């Protein structure tokens, strides 16, 4: 993870994943997940 301070005071996180560069503003709801769990006694 690399933190780059931009001149306009905006903090962006650039993450290298398999050679693809993603920025925070490209993240959307479809990339999120939730795990459900039930226990049967």
ModelCIF file with pLDDT and N, C-alpha, C, O atoms, coordinates in Angstrom:
data_MODEL
#
_entry.id   MODEL 
#
_entity.id                         1 
_entity.type                       polymer 
_entity.pdbx_number_of_molecules   1 
#
_entity_poly.entity_id                      1 
_entity_poly.type                           'polypeptide(L)' 
_entity_poly.nstd_linkage                   no 
_entity_poly.nstd_monomer                   no 
_entity_poly.pdbx_seq_one_letter_code       
;(UNK)(UNK)(UNK)(UNK)(UNK)(UNK)(UNK)(UNK)(UNK)(UNK)(UNK)(UNK)(UNK)(UNK)(UNK)(UNK)
(UNK)(UNK)(UNK)(UNK)(UNK)(UNK)(UNK)(UNK)(UNK)(UNK)(UNK)(UNK)(UNK)(UNK)(UNK)(UNK)
(UNK)(UNK)(UNK)(UNK)(UNK)(UNK)(UNK)(UNK)(UNK)
;
_entity_poly.pdbx_seq_one_letter_code_can   XXXXXXXXXXXXXXXXXXXXXXXXXXXXXXXXXXXXXXXXX 
_entity_poly.pdbx_strand_id                 A 
#
loop_
_entity_poly_seq.entity_id 
_entity_poly_seq.num 
_entity_poly_seq.mon_id 
_entity_poly_seq.hetero 
1 1  UNK n 
1 2  UNK n 
1 3  UNK n 
1 4  UNK n 
1 5  UNK n 
1 6  UNK n 
1 7  UNK n 
1 8  UNK n 
1 9  UNK n 
1 10 UNK n 
1 11 UNK n 
1 12 UNK n 
1 13 UNK n 
1 14 UNK n 
1 15 UNK n 
1 16 UNK n 
1 17 UNK n 
1 18 UNK n 
1 19 UNK n 
1 20 UNK n 
1 21 UNK n 
1 22 UNK n 
1 23 UNK n 
1 24 UNK n 
1 25 UNK n 
1 26 UNK n 
1 27 UNK n 
1 28 UNK n 
1 29 UNK n 
1 30 UNK n 
1 31 UNK n 
1 32 UNK n 
1 33 UNK n 
1 34 UNK n 
1 35 UNK n 
1 36 UNK n 
1 37 UNK n 
1 38 UNK n 
1 39 UNK n 
1 40 UNK n 
1 41 UNK n 
#
_struct_asym.id          A 
_struct_asym.entity_id   1 
#
loop_
_ma_qa_metric.id 
_ma_qa_metric.mode 
_ma_qa_metric.name 
_ma_qa_metric.software_group_id 
_ma_qa_metric.type 
1 global pLDDT . pLDDT 
2 local  pLDDT . pLDDT 
#
_ma_qa_metric_global.metric_id      1 
_ma_qa_metric_global.metric_value   57.51 
_ma_qa_metric_global.model_id       1 
_ma_qa_metric_global.ordinal_id     1 
#
loop_
_ma_qa_metric_local.label_asym_id 
_ma_qa_metric_local.label_comp_id 
_ma_qa_metric_local.label_seq_id 
_ma_qa_metric_local.metric_id 
_ma_qa_metric_local.metric_value 
_ma_qa_metric_local.model_id 
_ma_qa_metric_local.ordinal_id 
A UNK 1  2 46.00 1 1  
A UNK 2  2 44.00 1 2  
A UNK 3  2 45.00 1 3  
A UNK 4  2 41.00 1 4  
A UNK 5  2 41.00 1 5  
A UNK 6  2 41.00 1 6  
A UNK 7  2 46.00 1 7  
A UNK 8  2 45.00 1 8  
A UNK 9  2 44.00 1 9  
A UNK 10 2 41.00 1 10 
A UNK 11 2 41.00 1 11 
A UNK 12 2 41.00 1 12 
A UNK 13 2 40.00 1 13 
A UNK 14 2 39.00 1 14 
A UNK 15 2 40.00 1 15 
A UNK 16 2 42.00 1 16 
A UNK 17 2 43.00 1 17 
A UNK 18 2 45.00 1 18 
A UNK 19 2 49.00 1 19 
A UNK 20 2 48.00 1 20 
A UNK 21 2 51.00 1 21 
A UNK 22 2 51.00 1 22 
A UNK 23 2 54.00 1 23 
A UNK 24 2 56.00 1 24 
A UNK 25 2 59.00 1 25 
A UNK 26 2 59.00 1 26 
A UNK 27 2 58.00 1 27 
A UNK 28 2 60.00 1 28 
A UNK 29 2 58.00 1 29 
A UNK 30 2 68.00 1 30 
A UNK 31 2 72.00 1 31 
A UNK 32 2 75.00 1 32 
A UNK 33 2 79.00 1 33 
A UNK 34 2 85.00 1 34 
A UNK 35 2 89.00 1 35 
A UNK 36 2 90.00 1 36 
A UNK 37 2 91.00 1 37 
A UNK 38 2 89.00 1 38 
A UNK 39 2 87.00 1 39 
A UNK 40 2 82.00 1 40 
A UNK 41 2 83.00 1 41 
#
loop_
_atom_site.group_PDB 
_atom_site.id 
_atom_site.type_symbol 
_atom_site.label_atom_id 
_atom_site.label_alt_id 
_atom_site.label_comp_id 
_atom_site.label_asym_id 
_atom_site.label_entity_id 
_atom_site.label_seq_id 
_atom_site.pdbx_PDB_ins_code 
_atom_site.Cartn_x 
_atom_site.Cartn_y 
_atom_site.Cartn_z 
_atom_site.occupancy 
_atom_site.B_iso_or_equiv 
_atom_site.pdbx_formal_charge 
_atom_site.auth_seq_id 
_atom_site.auth_comp_id 
_atom_site.auth_asym_id 
_atom_site.auth_atom_id 
_atom_site.pdbx_PDB_model_num 
ATOM 1   N N  . UNK A 1 1  ? 0.842   -1.184  0.000   1.00 46.00 ? 1  UNK A N  1 
ATOM 2   C CA . UNK A 1 1  ? 0.000   0.000   0.000   1.00 46.00 ? 1  UNK A CA 1 
ATOM 3   C C  . UNK A 1 1  ? 0.880   1.237   0.000   1.00 46.00 ? 1  UNK A C  1 
ATOM 4   O O  . UNK A 1 1  ? 1.851   1.321   0.752   1.00 46.00 ? 1  UNK A O  1 
ATOM 5   N N  . UNK A 1 2  ? 0.528   2.214   -0.863  1.00 44.00 ? 2  UNK A N  1 
ATOM 6   C CA . UNK A 1 2  ? 1.294   3.453   -0.936  1.00 44.00 ? 2  UNK A CA 1 
ATOM 7   C C  . UNK A 1 2  ? 0.375   4.637   -0.659  1.00 44.00 ? 2  UNK A C  1 
ATOM 8   O O  . UNK A 1 2  ? -0.684  4.758   -1.275  1.00 44.00 ? 2  UNK A O  1 
ATOM 9   N N  . UNK A 1 3  ? 0.762   5.483   0.236   1.00 45.00 ? 3  UNK A N  1 
ATOM 10  C CA . UNK A 1 3  ? 0.004   6.689   0.545   1.00 45.00 ? 3  UNK A CA 1 
ATOM 11  C C  . UNK A 1 3  ? 0.650   7.862   -0.186  1.00 45.00 ? 3  UNK A C  1 
ATOM 12  O O  . UNK A 1 3  ? 1.840   8.126   -0.015  1.00 45.00 ? 3  UNK A O  1 
ATOM 13  N N  . UNK A 1 4  ? -0.140  8.567   -1.004  1.00 41.00 ? 4  UNK A N  1 
ATOM 14  C CA . UNK A 1 4  ? 0.377   9.705   -1.762  1.00 41.00 ? 4  UNK A CA 1 
ATOM 15  C C  . UNK A 1 4  ? -0.426  10.943  -1.371  1.00 41.00 ? 4  UNK A C  1 
ATOM 16  O O  . UNK A 1 4  ? -1.650  10.948  -1.500  1.00 41.00 ? 4  UNK A O  1 
ATOM 17  N N  . UNK A 1 5  ? 0.237   11.980  -0.901  1.00 41.00 ? 5  UNK A N  1 
ATOM 18  C CA . UNK A 1 5  ? -0.431  13.222  -0.543  1.00 41.00 ? 5  UNK A CA 1 
ATOM 19  C C  . UNK A 1 5  ? -0.510  14.110  -1.783  1.00 41.00 ? 5  UNK A C  1 
ATOM 20  O O  . UNK A 1 5  ? 0.511   14.536  -2.323  1.00 41.00 ? 5  UNK A O  1 
ATOM 21  N N  . UNK A 1 6  ? -1.730  14.383  -2.224  1.00 41.00 ? 6  UNK A N  1 
ATOM 22  C CA . UNK A 1 6  ? -1.934  15.216  -3.414  1.00 41.00 ? 6  UNK A CA 1 
ATOM 23  C C  . UNK A 1 6  ? -1.968  16.684  -3.009  1.00 41.00 ? 6  UNK A C  1 
ATOM 24  O O  . UNK A 1 6  ? -2.294  17.016  -1.869  1.00 41.00 ? 6  UNK A O  1 
ATOM 25  N N  . UNK A 1 7  ? -1.633  17.549  -3.941  1.00 46.00 ? 7  UNK A N  1 
ATOM 26  C CA . UNK A 1 7  ? -1.554  18.988  -3.634  1.00 46.00 ? 7  UNK A CA 1 
ATOM 27  C C  . UNK A 1 7  ? -2.883  19.571  -3.171  1.00 46.00 ? 7  UNK A C  1 
ATOM 28  O O  . UNK A 1 7  ? -2.884  20.519  -2.385  1.00 46.00 ? 7  UNK A O  1 
ATOM 29  N N  . UNK A 1 8  ? -4.035  19.029  -3.638  1.00 45.00 ? 8  UNK A N  1 
ATOM 30  C CA . UNK A 1 8  ? -5.324  19.616  -3.277  1.00 45.00 ? 8  UNK A CA 1 
ATOM 31  C C  . UNK A 1 8  ? -5.782  19.157  -1.898  1.00 45.00 ? 8  UNK A C  1 
ATOM 32  O O  . UNK A 1 8  ? -6.895  19.486  -1.490  1.00 45.00 ? 8  UNK A O  1 
ATOM 33  N N  . UNK A 1 9  ? -4.976  18.422  -1.183  1.00 44.00 ? 9  UNK A N  1 
ATOM 34  C CA . UNK A 1 9  ? -5.310  17.992  0.170   1.00 44.00 ? 9  UNK A CA 1 
ATOM 35  C C  . UNK A 1 9  ? -6.184  16.751  0.214   1.00 44.00 ? 9  UNK A C  1 
ATOM 36  O O  . UNK A 1 9  ? -6.729  16.419  1.267   1.00 44.00 ? 9  UNK A O  1 
ATOM 37  N N  . UNK A 1 10 ? -6.331  16.050  -0.926  1.00 41.00 ? 10 UNK A N  1 
ATOM 38  C CA . UNK A 1 10 ? -7.137  14.829  -0.945  1.00 41.00 ? 10 UNK A CA 1 
ATOM 39  C C  . UNK A 1 10 ? -6.221  13.632  -0.756  1.00 41.00 ? 10 UNK A C  1 
ATOM 40  O O  . UNK A 1 10 ? -5.175  13.531  -1.398  1.00 41.00 ? 10 UNK A O  1 
ATOM 41  N N  . UNK A 1 11 ? -6.617  12.729  0.126   1.00 41.00 ? 11 UNK A N  1 
ATOM 42  C CA . UNK A 1 11 ? -5.817  11.531  0.396   1.00 41.00 ? 11 UNK A CA 1 
ATOM 43  C C  . UNK A 1 11 ? -6.364  10.379  -0.436  1.00 41.00 ? 11 UNK A C  1 
ATOM 44  O O  . UNK A 1 11 ? -7.537  10.026  -0.313  1.00 41.00 ? 11 UNK A O  1 
ATOM 45  N N  . UNK A 1 12 ? -5.547  9.807   -1.256  1.00 41.00 ? 12 UNK A N  1 
ATOM 46  C CA . UNK A 1 12 ? -5.970  8.660   -2.067  1.00 41.00 ? 12 UNK A CA 1 
ATOM 47  C C  . UNK A 1 12 ? -5.123  7.451   -1.690  1.00 41.00 ? 12 UNK A C  1 
ATOM 48  O O  . UNK A 1 12 ? -3.934  7.585   -1.400  1.00 41.00 ? 12 UNK A O  1 
ATOM 49  N N  . UNK A 1 13 ? -5.736  6.277   -1.694  1.00 40.00 ? 13 UNK A N  1 
ATOM 50  C CA . UNK A 1 13 ? -5.014  5.034   -1.401  1.00 40.00 ? 13 UNK A CA 1 
ATOM 51  C C  . UNK A 1 13 ? -4.878  4.265   -2.699  1.00 40.00 ? 13 UNK A C  1 
ATOM 52  O O  . UNK A 1 13 ? -5.876  3.905   -3.324  1.00 40.00 ? 13 UNK A O  1 
ATOM 53  N N  . UNK A 1 14 ? -3.666  4.017   -3.097  1.00 39.00 ? 14 UNK A N  1 
ATOM 54  C CA . UNK A 1 14 ? -3.408  3.258   -4.310  1.00 39.00 ? 14 UNK A CA 1 
ATOM 55  C C  . UNK A 1 14 ? -2.929  1.872   -3.919  1.00 39.00 ? 14 UNK A C  1 
ATOM 56  O O  . UNK A 1 14 ? -1.928  1.735   -3.216  1.00 39.00 ? 14 UNK A O  1 
ATOM 57  N N  . UNK A 1 15 ? -3.634  0.846   -4.367  1.00 40.00 ? 15 UNK A N  1 
ATOM 58  C CA . UNK A 1 15 ? -3.290  -0.520  -3.994  1.00 40.00 ? 15 UNK A CA 1 
ATOM 59  C C  . UNK A 1 15 ? -2.969  -1.320  -5.241  1.00 40.00 ? 15 UNK A C  1 
ATOM 60  O O  . UNK A 1 15 ? -3.747  -1.324  -6.195  1.00 40.00 ? 15 UNK A O  1 
ATOM 61  N N  . UNK A 1 16 ? -1.852  -1.983  -5.242  1.00 42.00 ? 16 UNK A N  1 
ATOM 62  C CA . UNK A 1 16 ? -1.478  -2.814  -6.381  1.00 42.00 ? 16 UNK A CA 1 
ATOM 63  C C  . UNK A 1 16 ? -1.998  -4.225  -6.165  1.00 42.00 ? 16 UNK A C  1 
ATOM 64  O O  . UNK A 1 16 ? -1.588  -4.908  -5.227  1.00 42.00 ? 16 UNK A O  1 
ATOM 65  N N  . UNK A 1 17 ? -2.901  -4.660  -7.035  1.00 43.00 ? 17 UNK A N  1 
ATOM 66  C CA . UNK A 1 17 ? -3.451  -6.013  -6.944  1.00 43.00 ? 17 UNK A CA 1 
ATOM 67  C C  . UNK A 1 17 ? -3.277  -6.671  -8.307  1.00 43.00 ? 17 UNK A C  1 
ATOM 68  O O  . UNK A 1 17 ? -3.921  -6.267  -9.276  1.00 43.00 ? 17 UNK A O  1 
ATOM 69  N N  . UNK A 1 18 ? -2.425  -7.667  -8.390  1.00 45.00 ? 18 UNK A N  1 
ATOM 70  C CA . UNK A 1 18 ? -2.152  -8.379  -9.642  1.00 45.00 ? 18 UNK A CA 1 
ATOM 71  C C  . UNK A 1 18 ? -1.846  -7.416  -10.782 1.00 45.00 ? 18 UNK A C  1 
ATOM 72  O O  . UNK A 1 18 ? -2.259  -7.645  -11.919 1.00 45.00 ? 18 UNK A O  1 
ATOM 73  N N  . UNK A 1 19 ? -1.146  -6.371  -10.490 1.00 49.00 ? 19 UNK A N  1 
ATOM 74  C CA . UNK A 1 19 ? -0.738  -5.443  -11.526 1.00 49.00 ? 19 UNK A CA 1 
ATOM 75  C C  . UNK A 1 19 ? -1.788  -4.433  -11.922 1.00 49.00 ? 19 UNK A C  1 
ATOM 76  O O  . UNK A 1 19 ? -1.540  -3.612  -12.805 1.00 49.00 ? 19 UNK A O  1 
ATOM 77  N N  . UNK A 1 20 ? -2.974  -4.466  -11.291 1.00 48.00 ? 20 UNK A N  1 
ATOM 78  C CA . UNK A 1 20 ? -4.043  -3.519  -11.610 1.00 48.00 ? 20 UNK A CA 1 
ATOM 79  C C  . UNK A 1 20 ? -4.090  -2.464  -10.519 1.00 48.00 ? 20 UNK A C  1 
ATOM 80  O O  . UNK A 1 20 ? -4.048  -2.793  -9.334  1.00 48.00 ? 20 UNK A O  1 
ATOM 81  N N  . UNK A 1 21 ? -4.176  -1.215  -10.904 1.00 51.00 ? 21 UNK A N  1 
ATOM 82  C CA . UNK A 1 21 ? -4.190  -0.118  -9.949  1.00 51.00 ? 21 UNK A CA 1 
ATOM 83  C C  . UNK A 1 21 ? -5.619  0.357   -9.742  1.00 51.00 ? 21 UNK A C  1 
ATOM 84  O O  . UNK A 1 21 ? -6.289  0.779   -10.685 1.00 51.00 ? 21 UNK A O  1 
ATOM 85  N N  . UNK A 1 22 ? -6.083  0.283   -8.482  1.00 51.00 ? 22 UNK A N  1 
ATOM 86  C CA . UNK A 1 22 ? -7.433  0.733   -8.161  1.00 51.00 ? 22 UNK A CA 1 
ATOM 87  C C  . UNK A 1 22 ? -7.349  1.915   -7.218  1.00 51.00 ? 22 UNK A C  1 
ATOM 88  O O  . UNK A 1 22 ? -6.496  1.952   -6.331  1.00 51.00 ? 22 UNK A O  1 
ATOM 89  N N  . UNK A 1 23 ? -8.226  2.873   -7.406  1.00 54.00 ? 23 UNK A N  1 
ATOM 90  C CA . UNK A 1 23 ? -8.296  4.001   -6.486  1.00 54.00 ? 23 UNK A CA 1 
ATOM 91  C C  . UNK A 1 23 ? -9.596  3.927   -5.717  1.00 54.00 ? 23 UNK A C  1 
ATOM 92  O O  . UNK A 1 23 ? -10.518 3.213   -6.114  1.00 54.00 ? 23 UNK A O  1 
ATOM 93  N N  . UNK A 1 24 ? -9.677  4.651   -4.634  1.00 56.00 ? 24 UNK A N  1 
ATOM 94  C CA . UNK A 1 24 ? -10.837 4.553   -3.745  1.00 56.00 ? 24 UNK A CA 1 
ATOM 95  C C  . UNK A 1 24 ? -12.127 4.961   -4.419  1.00 56.00 ? 24 UNK A C  1 
ATOM 96  O O  . UNK A 1 24 ? -13.183 4.420   -4.093  1.00 56.00 ? 24 UNK A O  1 
ATOM 97  N N  . UNK A 1 25 ? -12.075 5.908   -5.360  1.00 59.00 ? 25 UNK A N  1 
ATOM 98  C CA . UNK A 1 25 ? -13.311 6.353   -5.972  1.00 59.00 ? 25 UNK A CA 1 
ATOM 99  C C  . UNK A 1 25 ? -13.846 5.346   -7.003  1.00 59.00 ? 25 UNK A C  1 
ATOM 100 O O  . UNK A 1 25 ? -14.942 5.528   -7.534  1.00 59.00 ? 25 UNK A O  1 
ATOM 101 N N  . UNK A 1 26 ? -13.064 4.273   -7.288  1.00 59.00 ? 26 UNK A N  1 
ATOM 102 C CA . UNK A 1 26 ? -13.531 3.224   -8.199  1.00 59.00 ? 26 UNK A CA 1 
ATOM 103 C C  . UNK A 1 26 ? -14.226 2.086   -7.452  1.00 59.00 ? 26 UNK A C  1 
ATOM 104 O O  . UNK A 1 26 ? -14.757 1.168   -8.076  1.00 59.00 ? 26 UNK A O  1 
ATOM 105 N N  . UNK A 1 27 ? -14.224 2.143   -6.128  1.00 58.00 ? 27 UNK A N  1 
ATOM 106 C CA . UNK A 1 27 ? -14.865 1.107   -5.318  1.00 58.00 ? 27 UNK A CA 1 
ATOM 107 C C  . UNK A 1 27 ? -16.366 1.339   -5.301  1.00 58.00 ? 27 UNK A C  1 
ATOM 108 O O  . UNK A 1 27 ? -16.822 2.467   -5.115  1.00 58.00 ? 27 UNK A O  1 
ATOM 109 N N  . UNK A 1 28 ? -17.147 0.256   -5.497  1.00 60.00 ? 28 UNK A N  1 
ATOM 110 C CA . UNK A 1 28 ? -18.604 0.385   -5.444  1.00 60.00 ? 28 UNK A CA 1 
ATOM 111 C C  . UNK A 1 28 ? -19.199 -0.731  -4.603  1.00 60.00 ? 28 UNK A C  1 
ATOM 112 O O  . UNK A 1 28 ? -18.484 -1.608  -4.118  1.00 60.00 ? 28 UNK A O  1 
ATOM 113 N N  . UNK A 1 29 ? -20.528 -0.690  -4.433  1.00 58.00 ? 29 UNK A N  1 
ATOM 114 C CA . UNK A 1 29 ? -21.206 -1.631  -3.524  1.00 58.00 ? 29 UNK A CA 1 
ATOM 115 C C  . UNK A 1 29 ? -21.064 -3.069  -3.980  1.00 58.00 ? 29 UNK A C  1 
ATOM 116 O O  . UNK A 1 29 ? -21.103 -3.981  -3.154  1.00 58.00 ? 29 UNK A O  1 
ATOM 117 N N  . UNK A 1 30 ? -20.900 -3.293  -5.267  1.00 68.00 ? 30 UNK A N  1 
ATOM 118 C CA . UNK A 1 30 ? -20.838 -4.651  -5.784  1.00 68.00 ? 30 UNK A CA 1 
ATOM 119 C C  . UNK A 1 30 ? -19.555 -5.365  -5.380  1.00 68.00 ? 30 UNK A C  1 
ATOM 120 O O  . UNK A 1 30 ? -19.480 -6.592  -5.449  1.00 68.00 ? 30 UNK A O  1 
ATOM 121 N N  . UNK A 1 31 ? -18.574 -4.629  -4.970  1.00 72.00 ? 31 UNK A N  1 
ATOM 122 C CA . UNK A 1 31 ? -17.323 -5.258  -4.573  1.00 72.00 ? 31 UNK A CA 1 
ATOM 123 C C  . UNK A 1 31 ? -17.317 -5.639  -3.093  1.00 72.00 ? 31 UNK A C  1 
ATOM 124 O O  . UNK A 1 31 ? -16.355 -6.239  -2.613  1.00 72.00 ? 31 UNK A O  1 
ATOM 125 N N  . UNK A 1 32 ? -18.383 -5.297  -2.369  1.00 75.00 ? 32 UNK A N  1 
ATOM 126 C CA . UNK A 1 32 ? -18.466 -5.595  -0.948  1.00 75.00 ? 32 UNK A CA 1 
ATOM 127 C C  . UNK A 1 32 ? -19.181 -6.934  -0.740  1.00 75.00 ? 32 UNK A C  1 
ATOM 128 O O  . UNK A 1 32 ? -19.957 -7.352  -1.598  1.00 75.00 ? 32 UNK A O  1 
ATOM 129 N N  . UNK A 1 33 ? -18.934 -7.607  0.379   1.00 79.00 ? 33 UNK A N  1 
ATOM 130 C CA . UNK A 1 33 ? -19.605 -8.874  0.684   1.00 79.00 ? 33 UNK A CA 1 
ATOM 131 C C  . UNK A 1 33 ? -19.881 -8.964  2.175   1.00 79.00 ? 33 UNK A C  1 
ATOM 132 O O  . UNK A 1 33 ? -19.219 -8.325  2.993   1.00 79.00 ? 33 UNK A O  1 
ATOM 133 N N  . UNK A 1 34 ? -20.874 -9.775  2.502   1.00 85.00 ? 34 UNK A N  1 
ATOM 134 C CA . UNK A 1 34 ? -21.213 -10.023 3.909   1.00 85.00 ? 34 UNK A CA 1 
ATOM 135 C C  . UNK A 1 34 ? -21.366 -11.526 4.092   1.00 85.00 ? 34 UNK A C  1 
ATOM 136 O O  . UNK A 1 34 ? -21.870 -12.213 3.203   1.00 85.00 ? 34 UNK A O  1 
ATOM 137 N N  . UNK A 1 35 ? -20.945 -12.026 5.211   1.00 89.00 ? 35 UNK A N  1 
ATOM 138 C CA . UNK A 1 35 ? -21.017 -13.460 5.488   1.00 89.00 ? 35 UNK A CA 1 
ATOM 139 C C  . UNK A 1 35 ? -22.153 -13.750 6.459   1.00 89.00 ? 35 UNK A C  1 
ATOM 140 O O  . UNK A 1 35 ? -22.226 -13.167 7.541   1.00 89.00 ? 35 UNK A O  1 
ATOM 141 N N  . UNK A 1 36 ? -23.055 -14.678 6.051   1.00 90.00 ? 36 UNK A N  1 
ATOM 142 C CA . UNK A 1 36 ? -24.136 -15.097 6.945   1.00 90.00 ? 36 UNK A CA 1 
ATOM 143 C C  . UNK A 1 36 ? -23.754 -16.392 7.636   1.00 90.00 ? 36 UNK A C  1 
ATOM 144 O O  . UNK A 1 36 ? -23.047 -17.219 7.059   1.00 90.00 ? 36 UNK A O  1 
ATOM 145 N N  . UNK A 1 37 ? -24.208 -16.574 8.846   1.00 91.00 ? 37 UNK A N  1 
ATOM 146 C CA . UNK A 1 37 ? -23.849 -17.777 9.601   1.00 91.00 ? 37 UNK A CA 1 
ATOM 147 C C  . UNK A 1 37 ? -25.017 -18.205 10.480  1.00 91.00 ? 37 UNK A C  1 
ATOM 148 O O  . UNK A 1 37 ? -25.592 -17.388 11.199  1.00 91.00 ? 37 UNK A O  1 
ATOM 149 N N  . UNK A 1 38 ? -25.365 -19.482 10.421  1.00 89.00 ? 38 UNK A N  1 
ATOM 150 C CA . UNK A 1 38 ? -26.362 -20.032 11.339  1.00 89.00 ? 38 UNK A CA 1 
ATOM 151 C C  . UNK A 1 38 ? -25.766 -21.245 12.028  1.00 89.00 ? 38 UNK A C  1 
ATOM 152 O O  . UNK A 1 38 ? -24.861 -21.890 11.500  1.00 89.00 ? 38 UNK A O  1 
ATOM 153 N N  . UNK A 1 39 ? -26.267 -21.543 13.180  1.00 87.00 ? 39 UNK A N  1 
ATOM 154 C CA . UNK A 1 39 ? -25.819 -22.717 13.931  1.00 87.00 ? 39 UNK A CA 1 
ATOM 155 C C  . UNK A 1 39 ? -27.012 -23.629 14.195  1.00 87.00 ? 39 UNK A C  1 
ATOM 156 O O  . UNK A 1 39 ? -28.020 -23.201 14.758  1.00 87.00 ? 39 UNK A O  1 
ATOM 157 N N  . UNK A 1 40 ? -26.889 -24.878 13.787  1.00 82.00 ? 40 UNK A N  1 
ATOM 158 C CA . UNK A 1 40 ? -27.936 -25.867 14.045  1.00 82.00 ? 40 UNK A CA 1 
ATOM 159 C C  . UNK A 1 40 ? -27.494 -26.707 15.231  1.00 82.00 ? 40 UNK A C  1 
ATOM 160 O O  . UNK A 1 40 ? -26.483 -27.406 15.165  1.00 82.00 ? 40 UNK A O  1 
ATOM 161 N N  . UNK A 1 41 ? -28.245 -26.638 16.302  1.00 83.00 ? 41 UNK A N  1 
ATOM 162 C CA . UNK A 1 41 ? -27.898 -27.390 17.500  1.00 83.00 ? 41 UNK A CA 1 
ATOM 163 C C  . UNK A 1 41 ? -28.084 -28.889 17.268  1.00 83.00 ? 41 UNK A C  1 
ATOM 164 O O  . UNK A 1 41 ? -27.839 -29.689 18.171  1.00 83.00 ? 41 UNK A O  1 
#
